[in-house]
């Protein structure tokens, strides 16, 4: 087992430069597309929950903190969809470069 201090970082940079940088547009596009999809889904979900009455409460002194569920819900869904977009982008990059990787092994 290798120690972190024994990692040859020039090899890691060569792999990153050869495989990831040429396809960075694919990665960014997937993250942006899934982020926009996450915004749409989270707004629709928040509207549905509001119409069902999930966010309605009797006015109390802590009512302002309960209203923080809206941005928390929207931010959580956008974060989840952004992660899905990132994973899909990495999968597409690996799928495009699988022949080069397999021949290199």
PDB file of N, CA and C in Angstrom:
ATOM      1  N   UNK A   1       0.846  -1.169   0.000  1.00  0.00           N
ATOM      2  CA  UNK A   1       0.000   0.000   0.000  1.00  0.00           C
ATOM      3  C   UNK A   1       0.893   1.233   0.000  1.00  0.00           C
ATOM      4  N   UNK A   2       0.524   2.223  -0.805  1.00  0.00           N
ATOM      5  CA  UNK A   2       1.368   3.401  -0.931  1.00  0.00           C
ATOM      6  C   UNK A   2       0.915   4.494   0.018  1.00  0.00           C
ATOM      7  N   UNK A   3       1.877   5.261   0.433  1.00  0.00           N
ATOM      8  CA  UNK A   3       1.612   6.404   1.303  1.00  0.00           C
ATOM      9  C   UNK A   3       1.322   7.613   0.416  1.00  0.00           C
ATOM     10  N   UNK A   4       0.609   8.595   0.936  1.00  0.00           N
ATOM     11  CA  UNK A   4       0.268   9.781   0.157  1.00  0.00           C
ATOM     12  C   UNK A   4       1.519  10.523  -0.273  1.00  0.00           C
ATOM     13  N   UNK A   5       2.538  10.485   0.536  1.00  0.00           N
ATOM     14  CA  UNK A   5       3.773  11.175   0.176  1.00  0.00           C
ATOM     15  C   UNK A   5       4.491  10.485  -0.980  1.00  0.00           C
ATOM     16  N   UNK A   6       4.117   9.252  -1.282  1.00  0.00           N
ATOM     17  CA  UNK A   6       4.753   8.510  -2.365  1.00  0.00           C
ATOM     18  C   UNK A   6       4.012   8.643  -3.691  1.00  0.00           C
ATOM     19  N   UNK A   7       2.930   9.411  -3.728  1.00  0.00           N
ATOM     20  CA  UNK A   7       2.168   9.581  -4.962  1.00  0.00           C
ATOM     21  C   UNK A   7       2.973  10.440  -5.923  1.00  0.00           C
ATOM     22  N   UNK A   8       3.047   9.996  -7.155  1.00  0.00           N
ATOM     23  CA  UNK A   8       3.751  10.763  -8.176  1.00  0.00           C
ATOM     24  C   UNK A   8       2.742  11.694  -8.832  1.00  0.00           C
ATOM     25  N   UNK A   9       2.767  12.959  -8.405  1.00  0.00           N
ATOM     26  CA  UNK A   9       1.742  13.906  -8.819  1.00  0.00           C
ATOM     27  C   UNK A   9       1.842  14.268 -10.285  1.00  0.00           C
ATOM     28  N   UNK A  10       2.992  14.124 -10.900  1.00  0.00           N
ATOM     29  CA  UNK A  10       3.086  14.431 -12.324  1.00  0.00           C
ATOM     30  C   UNK A  10       2.305  13.415 -13.151  1.00  0.00           C
ATOM     31  N   UNK A  11       2.194  12.197 -12.664  1.00  0.00           N
ATOM     32  CA  UNK A  11       1.382  11.193 -13.357  1.00  0.00           C
ATOM     33  C   UNK A  11      -0.101  11.530 -13.222  1.00  0.00           C
ATOM     34  N   UNK A  12      -0.505  11.962 -12.038  1.00  0.00           N
ATOM     35  CA  UNK A  12      -1.901  12.364 -11.829  1.00  0.00           C
ATOM     36  C   UNK A  12      -2.237  13.543 -12.727  1.00  0.00           C
ATOM     37  N   UNK A  13      -1.322  14.524 -12.829  1.00  0.00           N
ATOM     38  CA  UNK A  13      -1.569  15.674 -13.695  1.00  0.00           C
ATOM     39  C   UNK A  13      -1.628  15.256 -15.155  1.00  0.00           C
ATOM     40  N   UNK A  14      -0.769  14.330 -15.568  1.00  0.00           N
ATOM     41  CA  UNK A  14      -0.813  13.852 -16.954  1.00  0.00           C
ATOM     42  C   UNK A  14      -2.148  13.182 -17.278  1.00  0.00           C
ATOM     43  N   UNK A  15      -2.651  12.380 -16.375  1.00  0.00           N
ATOM     44  CA  UNK A  15      -3.945  11.731 -16.580  1.00  0.00           C
ATOM     45  C   UNK A  15      -5.050  12.779 -16.643  1.00  0.00           C
ATOM     46  N   UNK A  16      -5.022  13.745 -15.726  1.00  0.00           N
ATOM     47  CA  UNK A  16      -6.030  14.800 -15.708  1.00  0.00           C
ATOM     48  C   UNK A  16      -5.984  15.610 -16.999  1.00  0.00           C
ATOM     49  N   UNK A  17      -4.768  15.978 -17.440  1.00  0.00           N
ATOM     50  CA  UNK A  17      -4.613  16.778 -18.646  1.00  0.00           C
ATOM     51  C   UNK A  17      -5.040  16.015 -19.893  1.00  0.00           C
ATOM     52  N   UNK A  18      -4.785  14.712 -19.915  1.00  0.00           N
ATOM     53  CA  UNK A  18      -5.076  13.930 -21.111  1.00  0.00           C
ATOM     54  C   UNK A  18      -6.542  13.549 -21.232  1.00  0.00           C
ATOM     55  N   UNK A  19      -7.213  13.274 -20.121  1.00  0.00           N
ATOM     56  CA  UNK A  19      -8.576  12.757 -20.193  1.00  0.00           C
ATOM     57  C   UNK A  19      -9.648  13.763 -19.783  1.00  0.00           C
ATOM     58  N   UNK A  20      -9.412  14.533 -18.736  1.00  0.00           N
ATOM     59  CA  UNK A  20     -10.474  15.386 -18.199  1.00  0.00           C
ATOM     60  C   UNK A  20     -10.532  16.734 -18.898  1.00  0.00           C
ATOM     61  N   UNK A  21      -9.417  17.396 -19.089  1.00  0.00           N
ATOM     62  CA  UNK A  21      -9.437  18.736 -19.670  1.00  0.00           C
ATOM     63  C   UNK A  21     -10.028  18.796 -21.073  1.00  0.00           C
ATOM     64  N   UNK A  22      -9.759  17.830 -21.965  1.00  0.00           N
ATOM     65  CA  UNK A  22     -10.407  17.913 -23.283  1.00  0.00           C
ATOM     66  C   UNK A  22     -11.925  17.783 -23.220  1.00  0.00           C
ATOM     67  N   UNK A  23     -12.448  17.185 -22.167  1.00  0.00           N
ATOM     68  CA  UNK A  23     -13.886  16.975 -22.044  1.00  0.00           C
ATOM     69  C   UNK A  23     -14.508  17.837 -20.950  1.00  0.00           C
ATOM     70  N   UNK A  24     -13.851  18.913 -20.567  1.00  0.00           N
ATOM     71  CA  UNK A  24     -14.384  19.744 -19.487  1.00  0.00           C
ATOM     72  C   UNK A  24     -15.695  20.406 -19.881  1.00  0.00           C
ATOM     73  N   UNK A  25     -15.891  20.663 -21.162  1.00  0.00           N
ATOM     74  CA  UNK A  25     -17.162  21.214 -21.628  1.00  0.00           C
ATOM     75  C   UNK A  25     -18.317  20.263 -21.367  1.00  0.00           C
ATOM     76  N   UNK A  26     -18.081  18.977 -21.564  1.00  0.00           N
ATOM     77  CA  UNK A  26     -19.106  17.968 -21.292  1.00  0.00           C
ATOM     78  C   UNK A  26     -19.456  17.971 -19.811  1.00  0.00           C
ATOM     79  N   UNK A  27     -18.458  18.050 -18.973  1.00  0.00           N
ATOM     80  CA  UNK A  27     -18.687  18.048 -17.526  1.00  0.00           C
ATOM     81  C   UNK A  27     -19.466  19.288 -17.090  1.00  0.00           C
ATOM     82  N   UNK A  28     -19.063  20.452 -17.573  1.00  0.00           N
ATOM     83  CA  UNK A  28     -19.739  21.694 -17.210  1.00  0.00           C
ATOM     84  C   UNK A  28     -21.159  21.703 -17.746  1.00  0.00           C
ATOM     85  N   UNK A  29     -21.351  21.235 -18.975  1.00  0.00           N
ATOM     86  CA  UNK A  29     -22.689  21.199 -19.566  1.00  0.00           C
ATOM     87  C   UNK A  29     -23.625  20.313 -18.763  1.00  0.00           C
ATOM     88  N   UNK A  30     -23.162  19.149 -18.349  1.00  0.00           N
ATOM     89  CA  UNK A  30     -24.002  18.246 -17.566  1.00  0.00           C
ATOM     90  C   UNK A  30     -24.359  18.851 -16.211  1.00  0.00           C
ATOM     91  N   UNK A  31     -23.407  19.483 -15.547  1.00  0.00           N
ATOM     92  CA  UNK A  31     -23.687  20.087 -14.246  1.00  0.00           C
ATOM     93  C   UNK A  31     -24.691  21.228 -14.403  1.00  0.00           C
ATOM     94  N   UNK A  32     -24.535  22.053 -15.424  1.00  0.00           N
ATOM     95  CA  UNK A  32     -25.452  23.175 -15.629  1.00  0.00           C
ATOM     96  C   UNK A  32     -26.847  22.677 -15.995  1.00  0.00           C
ATOM     97  N   UNK A  33     -26.927  21.698 -16.902  1.00  0.00           N
ATOM     98  CA  UNK A  33     -28.239  21.180 -17.308  1.00  0.00           C
ATOM     99  C   UNK A  33     -28.976  20.546 -16.134  1.00  0.00           C
ATOM    100  N   UNK A  34     -28.285  19.749 -15.361  1.00  0.00           N
ATOM    101  CA  UNK A  34     -28.932  19.125 -14.213  1.00  0.00           C
ATOM    102  C   UNK A  34     -29.213  20.143 -13.114  1.00  0.00           C
ATOM    103  N   UNK A  35     -28.410  21.199 -13.022  1.00  0.00           N
ATOM    104  CA  UNK A  35     -28.696  22.266 -12.068  1.00  0.00           C
ATOM    105  C   UNK A  35     -29.975  23.010 -12.422  1.00  0.00           C
ATOM    106  N   UNK A  36     -30.155  23.303 -13.709  1.00  0.00           N
ATOM    107  CA  UNK A  36     -31.389  23.953 -14.159  1.00  0.00           C
ATOM    108  C   UNK A  36     -32.577  23.030 -13.937  1.00  0.00           C
ATOM    109  N   UNK A  37     -32.406  21.751 -14.236  1.00  0.00           N
ATOM    110  CA  UNK A  37     -33.466  20.783 -13.985  1.00  0.00           C
ATOM    111  C   UNK A  37     -33.792  20.724 -12.489  1.00  0.00           C
ATOM    112  N   UNK A  38     -32.777  20.819 -11.648  1.00  0.00           N
ATOM    113  CA  UNK A  38     -32.993  20.835 -10.208  1.00  0.00           C
ATOM    114  C   UNK A  38     -33.762  22.060  -9.750  1.00  0.00           C
ATOM    115  N   UNK A  39     -33.496  23.222 -10.357  1.00  0.00           N
ATOM    116  CA  UNK A  39     -34.237  24.437 -10.017  1.00  0.00           C
ATOM    117  C   UNK A  39     -35.710  24.258 -10.358  1.00  0.00           C
ATOM    118  N   UNK A  40     -35.984  23.745 -11.554  1.00  0.00           N
ATOM    119  CA  UNK A  40     -37.371  23.548 -11.987  1.00  0.00           C
ATOM    120  C   UNK A  40     -38.089  22.548 -11.083  1.00  0.00           C
ATOM    121  N   UNK A  41     -37.453  21.420 -10.814  1.00  0.00           N
ATOM    122  CA  UNK A  41     -38.071  20.391  -9.969  1.00  0.00           C
ATOM    123  C   UNK A  41     -38.291  20.910  -8.552  1.00  0.00           C
ATOM    124  N   UNK A  42     -37.324  21.648  -8.008  1.00  0.00           N
ATOM    125  CA  UNK A  42     -37.472  22.130  -6.634  1.00  0.00           C
ATOM    126  C   UNK A  42     -38.577  23.176  -6.522  1.00  0.00           C
ATOM    127  N   UNK A  43     -38.718  24.034  -7.503  1.00  0.00           N
ATOM    128  CA  UNK A  43     -39.797  25.020  -7.462  1.00  0.00           C
ATOM    129  C   UNK A  43     -41.150  24.339  -7.580  1.00  0.00           C
ATOM    130  N   UNK A  44     -41.269  23.377  -8.477  1.00  0.00           N
ATOM    131  CA  UNK A  44     -42.527  22.632  -8.607  1.00  0.00           C
ATOM    132  C   UNK A  44     -42.843  21.893  -7.314  1.00  0.00           C
ATOM    133  N   UNK A  45     -41.844  21.280  -6.714  1.00  0.00           N
ATOM    134  CA  UNK A  45     -42.036  20.544  -5.464  1.00  0.00           C
ATOM    135  C   UNK A  45     -42.442  21.481  -4.324  1.00  0.00           C
ATOM    136  N   UNK A  46     -41.821  22.655  -4.255  1.00  0.00           N
ATOM    137  CA  UNK A  46     -42.165  23.617  -3.212  1.00  0.00           C
ATOM    138  C   UNK A  46     -43.595  24.134  -3.386  1.00  0.00           C
ATOM    139  N   UNK A  47     -44.006  24.363  -4.630  1.00  0.00           N
ATOM    140  CA  UNK A  47     -45.380  24.821  -4.886  1.00  0.00           C
ATOM    141  C   UNK A  47     -46.382  23.740  -4.501  1.00  0.00           C
ATOM    142  N   UNK A  48     -46.091  22.495  -4.836  1.00  0.00           N
ATOM    143  CA  UNK A  48     -46.995  21.394  -4.477  1.00  0.00           C
ATOM    144  C   UNK A  48     -47.104  21.262  -2.958  1.00  0.00           C
ATOM    145  N   UNK A  49     -45.975  21.336  -2.260  1.00  0.00           N
ATOM    146  CA  UNK A  49     -46.018  21.261  -0.799  1.00  0.00           C
ATOM    147  C   UNK A  49     -46.765  22.442  -0.192  1.00  0.00           C
ATOM    148  N   UNK A  50     -46.622  23.619  -0.787  1.00  0.00           N
ATOM    149  CA  UNK A  50     -47.336  24.787  -0.280  1.00  0.00           C
ATOM    150  C   UNK A  50     -48.847  24.619  -0.458  1.00  0.00           C
ATOM    151  N   UNK A  51     -49.254  24.101  -1.623  1.00  0.00           N
ATOM    152  CA  UNK A  51     -50.689  23.904  -1.873  1.00  0.00           C
ATOM    153  C   UNK A  51     -51.268  22.808  -0.986  1.00  0.00           C
ATOM    154  N   UNK A  52     -50.468  21.837  -0.620  1.00  0.00           N
ATOM    155  CA  UNK A  52     -50.931  20.778   0.287  1.00  0.00           C
ATOM    156  C   UNK A  52     -51.001  21.270   1.732  1.00  0.00           C
ATOM    157  N   UNK A  53     -50.391  22.408   2.030  1.00  0.00           N
ATOM    158  CA  UNK A  53     -50.444  22.968   3.370  1.00  0.00           C
ATOM    159  C   UNK A  53     -49.359  22.470   4.293  1.00  0.00           C
ATOM    160  N   UNK A  54     -48.299  21.919   3.745  1.00  0.00           N
ATOM    161  CA  UNK A  54     -47.216  21.391   4.571  1.00  0.00           C
ATOM    162  C   UNK A  54     -46.474  22.520   5.291  1.00  0.00           C
ATOM    163  N   UNK A  55     -46.352  23.680   4.659  1.00  0.00           N
ATOM    164  CA  UNK A  55     -45.587  24.779   5.233  1.00  0.00           C
ATOM    165  C   UNK A  55     -46.432  25.744   6.060  1.00  0.00           C
ATOM    166  N   UNK A  56     -47.701  25.503   6.220  1.00  0.00           N
ATOM    167  CA  UNK A  56     -48.562  26.407   6.989  1.00  0.00           C
ATOM    168  C   UNK A  56     -48.450  26.096   8.479  1.00  0.00           C
ATOM    169  N   UNK A  57     -48.285  27.148   9.259  1.00  0.00           N
ATOM    170  CA  UNK A  57     -48.188  27.015  10.705  1.00  0.00           C
ATOM    171  C   UNK A  57     -48.901  28.198  11.355  1.00  0.00           C
ATOM    172  N   UNK A  58     -49.250  28.022  12.587  1.00  0.00           N
ATOM    173  CA  UNK A  58     -49.810  29.141  13.337  1.00  0.00           C
ATOM    174  C   UNK A  58     -48.687  30.142  13.595  1.00  0.00           C
ATOM    175  N   UNK A  59     -49.002  31.432  13.514  1.00  0.00           N
ATOM    176  CA  UNK A  59     -47.956  32.439  13.750  1.00  0.00           C
ATOM    177  C   UNK A  59     -47.377  32.331  15.160  1.00  0.00           C
ATOM    178  N   UNK A  60     -46.106  32.147  15.235  1.00  0.00           N
ATOM    179  CA  UNK A  60     -45.386  32.070  16.503  1.00  0.00           C
ATOM    180  C   UNK A  60     -44.160  32.967  16.392  1.00  0.00           C
ATOM    181  N   UNK A  61     -43.420  33.056  17.460  1.00  0.00           N
ATOM    182  CA  UNK A  61     -42.225  33.886  17.448  1.00  0.00           C
ATOM    183  C   UNK A  61     -41.115  33.286  16.583  1.00  0.00           C
ATOM    184  N   UNK A  62     -41.140  31.993  16.336  1.00  0.00           N
ATOM    185  CA  UNK A  62     -40.100  31.342  15.540  1.00  0.00           C
ATOM    186  C   UNK A  62     -40.558  31.112  14.104  1.00  0.00           C
ATOM    187  N   UNK A  63     -41.594  31.799  13.654  1.00  0.00           N
ATOM    188  CA  UNK A  63     -42.142  31.575  12.327  1.00  0.00           C
ATOM    189  C   UNK A  63     -41.122  31.893  11.231  1.00  0.00           C
ATOM    190  N   UNK A  64     -40.217  32.844  11.478  1.00  0.00           N
ATOM    191  CA  UNK A  64     -39.213  33.186  10.470  1.00  0.00           C
ATOM    192  C   UNK A  64     -38.269  32.020  10.211  1.00  0.00           C
ATOM    193  N   UNK A  65     -37.971  31.247  11.250  1.00  0.00           N
ATOM    194  CA  UNK A  65     -37.055  30.122  11.054  1.00  0.00           C
ATOM    195  C   UNK A  65     -37.727  28.968  10.324  1.00  0.00           C
ATOM    196  N   UNK A  66     -39.024  28.842  10.486  1.00  0.00           N
ATOM    197  CA  UNK A  66     -39.746  27.789   9.769  1.00  0.00           C
ATOM    198  C   UNK A  66     -39.772  28.107   8.284  1.00  0.00           C
ATOM    199  N   UNK A  67     -39.819  29.371   7.947  1.00  0.00           N
ATOM    200  CA  UNK A  67     -39.841  29.768   6.543  1.00  0.00           C
ATOM    201  C   UNK A  67     -38.505  29.507   5.854  1.00  0.00           C
ATOM    202  N   UNK A  68     -37.476  29.171   6.605  1.00  0.00           N
ATOM    203  CA  UNK A  68     -36.197  28.820   5.989  1.00  0.00           C
ATOM    204  C   UNK A  68     -36.243  27.453   5.310  1.00  0.00           C
ATOM    205  N   UNK A  69     -37.352  26.718   5.484  1.00  0.00           N
ATOM    206  CA  UNK A  69     -37.500  25.460   4.775  1.00  0.00           C
ATOM    207  C   UNK A  69     -37.513  25.660   3.265  1.00  0.00           C
ATOM    208  N   UNK A  70     -38.061  26.765   2.794  1.00  0.00           N
ATOM    209  CA  UNK A  70     -38.115  27.007   1.350  1.00  0.00           C
ATOM    210  C   UNK A  70     -36.725  27.035   0.724  1.00  0.00           C
ATOM    211  N   UNK A  71     -35.827  27.934   1.150  1.00  0.00           N
ATOM    212  CA  UNK A  71     -34.510  27.926   0.511  1.00  0.00           C
ATOM    213  C   UNK A  71     -33.711  26.655   0.801  1.00  0.00           C
ATOM    214  N   UNK A  72     -33.928  26.069   1.974  1.00  0.00           N
ATOM    215  CA  UNK A  72     -33.220  24.825   2.293  1.00  0.00           C
ATOM    216  C   UNK A  72     -33.673  23.694   1.376  1.00  0.00           C
ATOM    217  N   UNK A  73     -34.952  23.617   1.139  1.00  0.00           N
ATOM    218  CA  UNK A  73     -35.492  22.593   0.240  1.00  0.00           C
ATOM    219  C   UNK A  73     -35.001  22.805  -1.185  1.00  0.00           C
ATOM    220  N   UNK A  74     -35.086  24.041  -1.652  1.00  0.00           N
ATOM    221  CA  UNK A  74     -34.648  24.337  -3.021  1.00  0.00           C
ATOM    222  C   UNK A  74     -33.148  24.109  -3.166  1.00  0.00           C
ATOM    223  N   UNK A  75     -32.367  24.576  -2.200  1.00  0.00           N
ATOM    224  CA  UNK A  75     -30.910  24.383  -2.260  1.00  0.00           C
ATOM    225  C   UNK A  75     -30.511  22.920  -2.202  1.00  0.00           C
ATOM    226  N   UNK A  76     -31.196  22.136  -1.386  1.00  0.00           N
ATOM    227  CA  UNK A  76     -30.886  20.711  -1.292  1.00  0.00           C
ATOM    228  C   UNK A  76     -31.162  19.965  -2.588  1.00  0.00           C
ATOM    229  N   UNK A  77     -32.271  20.276  -3.214  1.00  0.00           N
ATOM    230  CA  UNK A  77     -32.605  19.603  -4.478  1.00  0.00           C
ATOM    231  C   UNK A  77     -31.648  20.035  -5.584  1.00  0.00           C
ATOM    232  N   UNK A  78     -31.301  21.321  -5.620  1.00  0.00           N
ATOM    233  CA  UNK A  78     -30.337  21.789  -6.627  1.00  0.00           C
ATOM    234  C   UNK A  78     -28.977  21.128  -6.405  1.00  0.00           C
ATOM    235  N   UNK A  79     -28.543  21.017  -5.156  1.00  0.00           N
ATOM    236  CA  UNK A  79     -27.275  20.355  -4.849  1.00  0.00           C
ATOM    237  C   UNK A  79     -27.301  18.899  -5.295  1.00  0.00           C
ATOM    238  N   UNK A  80     -28.397  18.198  -5.016  1.00  0.00           N
ATOM    239  CA  UNK A  80     -28.515  16.799  -5.412  1.00  0.00           C
ATOM    240  C   UNK A  80     -28.453  16.656  -6.933  1.00  0.00           C
ATOM    241  N   UNK A  81     -29.194  17.481  -7.651  1.00  0.00           N
ATOM    242  CA  UNK A  81     -29.180  17.397  -9.106  1.00  0.00           C
ATOM    243  C   UNK A  81     -27.828  17.799  -9.680  1.00  0.00           C
ATOM    244  N   UNK A  82     -27.140  18.753  -9.034  1.00  0.00           N
ATOM    245  CA  UNK A  82     -25.789  19.113  -9.477  1.00  0.00           C
ATOM    246  C   UNK A  82     -24.823  17.951  -9.326  1.00  0.00           C
ATOM    247  N   UNK A  83     -24.946  17.209  -8.231  1.00  0.00           N
ATOM    248  CA  UNK A  83     -24.100  16.034  -8.036  1.00  0.00           C
ATOM    249  C   UNK A  83     -24.404  14.956  -9.069  1.00  0.00           C
ATOM    250  N   UNK A  84     -25.683  14.765  -9.371  1.00  0.00           N
ATOM    251  CA  UNK A  84     -26.064  13.793 -10.400  1.00  0.00           C
ATOM    252  C   UNK A  84     -25.488  14.216 -11.745  1.00  0.00           C
ATOM    253  N   UNK A  85     -25.539  15.515 -12.062  1.00  0.00           N
ATOM    254  CA  UNK A  85     -24.954  16.017 -13.301  1.00  0.00           C
ATOM    255  C   UNK A  85     -23.457  15.811 -13.349  1.00  0.00           C
ATOM    256  N   UNK A  86     -22.781  16.011 -12.215  1.00  0.00           N
ATOM    257  CA  UNK A  86     -21.335  15.794 -12.168  1.00  0.00           C
ATOM    258  C   UNK A  86     -20.990  14.328 -12.406  1.00  0.00           C
ATOM    259  N   UNK A  87     -21.722  13.437 -11.746  1.00  0.00           N
ATOM    260  CA  UNK A  87     -21.464  12.004 -11.916  1.00  0.00           C
ATOM    261  C   UNK A  87     -21.757  11.573 -13.358  1.00  0.00           C
ATOM    262  N   UNK A  88     -22.834  12.098 -13.942  1.00  0.00           N
ATOM    263  CA  UNK A  88     -23.161  11.760 -15.328  1.00  0.00           C
ATOM    264  C   UNK A  88     -22.089  12.285 -16.278  1.00  0.00           C
ATOM    265  N   UNK A  89     -21.572  13.491 -16.016  1.00  0.00           N
ATOM    266  CA  UNK A  89     -20.509  14.038 -16.843  1.00  0.00           C
ATOM    267  C   UNK A  89     -19.238  13.214 -16.770  1.00  0.00           C
ATOM    268  N   UNK A  90     -18.870  12.787 -15.565  1.00  0.00           N
ATOM    269  CA  UNK A  90     -17.690  11.937 -15.403  1.00  0.00           C
ATOM    270  C   UNK A  90     -17.905  10.598 -16.102  1.00  0.00           C
ATOM    271  N   UNK A  91     -19.109  10.060 -15.997  1.00  0.00           N
ATOM    272  CA  UNK A  91     -19.411   8.796 -16.672  1.00  0.00           C
ATOM    273  C   UNK A  91     -19.279   8.939 -18.183  1.00  0.00           C
ATOM    274  N   UNK A  92     -19.775  10.044 -18.736  1.00  0.00           N
ATOM    275  CA  UNK A  92     -19.668  10.248 -20.179  1.00  0.00           C
ATOM    276  C   UNK A  92     -18.217  10.401 -20.610  1.00  0.00           C
ATOM    277  N   UNK A  93     -17.406  11.088 -19.802  1.00  0.00           N
ATOM    278  CA  UNK A  93     -15.986  11.237 -20.132  1.00  0.00           C
ATOM    279  C   UNK A  93     -15.294   9.883 -20.115  1.00  0.00           C
ATOM    280  N   UNK A  94     -15.554   9.091 -19.089  1.00  0.00           N
ATOM    281  CA  UNK A  94     -14.934   7.771 -19.006  1.00  0.00           C
ATOM    282  C   UNK A  94     -15.427   6.875 -20.134  1.00  0.00           C
ATOM    283  N   UNK A  95     -16.698   6.991 -20.477  1.00  0.00           N
ATOM    284  CA  UNK A  95     -17.245   6.182 -21.570  1.00  0.00           C
ATOM    285  C   UNK A  95     -16.607   6.563 -22.907  1.00  0.00           C
ATOM    286  N   UNK A  96     -16.337   7.849 -23.126  1.00  0.00           N
ATOM    287  CA  UNK A  96     -15.684   8.281 -24.364  1.00  0.00           C
ATOM    288  C   UNK A  96     -14.223   7.848 -24.425  1.00  0.00           C
ATOM    289  N   UNK A  97     -13.567   7.780 -23.300  1.00  0.00           N
ATOM    290  CA  UNK A  97     -12.135   7.474 -23.255  1.00  0.00           C
ATOM    291  C   UNK A  97     -11.831   6.042 -22.836  1.00  0.00           C
ATOM    292  N   UNK A  98     -12.818   5.162 -22.806  1.00  0.00           N
ATOM    293  CA  UNK A  98     -12.579   3.810 -22.293  1.00  0.00           C
ATOM    294  C   UNK A  98     -11.620   3.014 -23.161  1.00  0.00           C
ATOM    295  N   UNK A  99     -11.640   3.229 -24.468  1.00  0.00           N
ATOM    296  CA  UNK A  99     -10.717   2.483 -25.328  1.00  0.00           C
ATOM    297  C   UNK A  99      -9.274   2.864 -25.052  1.00  0.00           C
ATOM    298  N   UNK A 100      -9.016   4.143 -24.860  1.00  0.00           N
ATOM    299  CA  UNK A 100      -7.648   4.624 -24.582  1.00  0.00           C
ATOM    300  C   UNK A 100      -7.190   4.103 -23.215  1.00  0.00           C
ATOM    301  N   UNK A 101      -8.092   4.130 -22.233  1.00  0.00           N
ATOM    302  CA  UNK A 101      -7.733   3.675 -20.888  1.00  0.00           C
ATOM    303  C   UNK A 101      -7.455   2.177 -20.882  1.00  0.00           C
ATOM    304  N   UNK A 102      -8.291   1.409 -21.572  1.00  0.00           N
ATOM    305  CA  UNK A 102      -8.119  -0.044 -21.582  1.00  0.00           C
ATOM    306  C   UNK A 102      -6.829  -0.428 -22.301  1.00  0.00           C
ATOM    307  N   UNK A 103      -6.514   0.236 -23.408  1.00  0.00           N
ATOM    308  CA  UNK A 103      -5.264  -0.080 -24.105  1.00  0.00           C
ATOM    309  C   UNK A 103      -4.054   0.348 -23.290  1.00  0.00           C
ATOM    310  N   UNK A 104      -4.198   1.396 -22.473  1.00  0.00           N
ATOM    311  CA  UNK A 104      -3.092   1.848 -21.628  1.00  0.00           C
ATOM    312  C   UNK A 104      -2.822   0.903 -20.468  1.00  0.00           C
ATOM    313  N   UNK A 105      -3.858   0.181 -20.042  1.00  0.00           N
ATOM    314  CA  UNK A 105      -3.674  -0.749 -18.939  1.00  0.00           C
ATOM    315  C   UNK A 105      -2.989  -1.984 -19.451  1.00  0.00           C
TER     316      UNK A 105
END
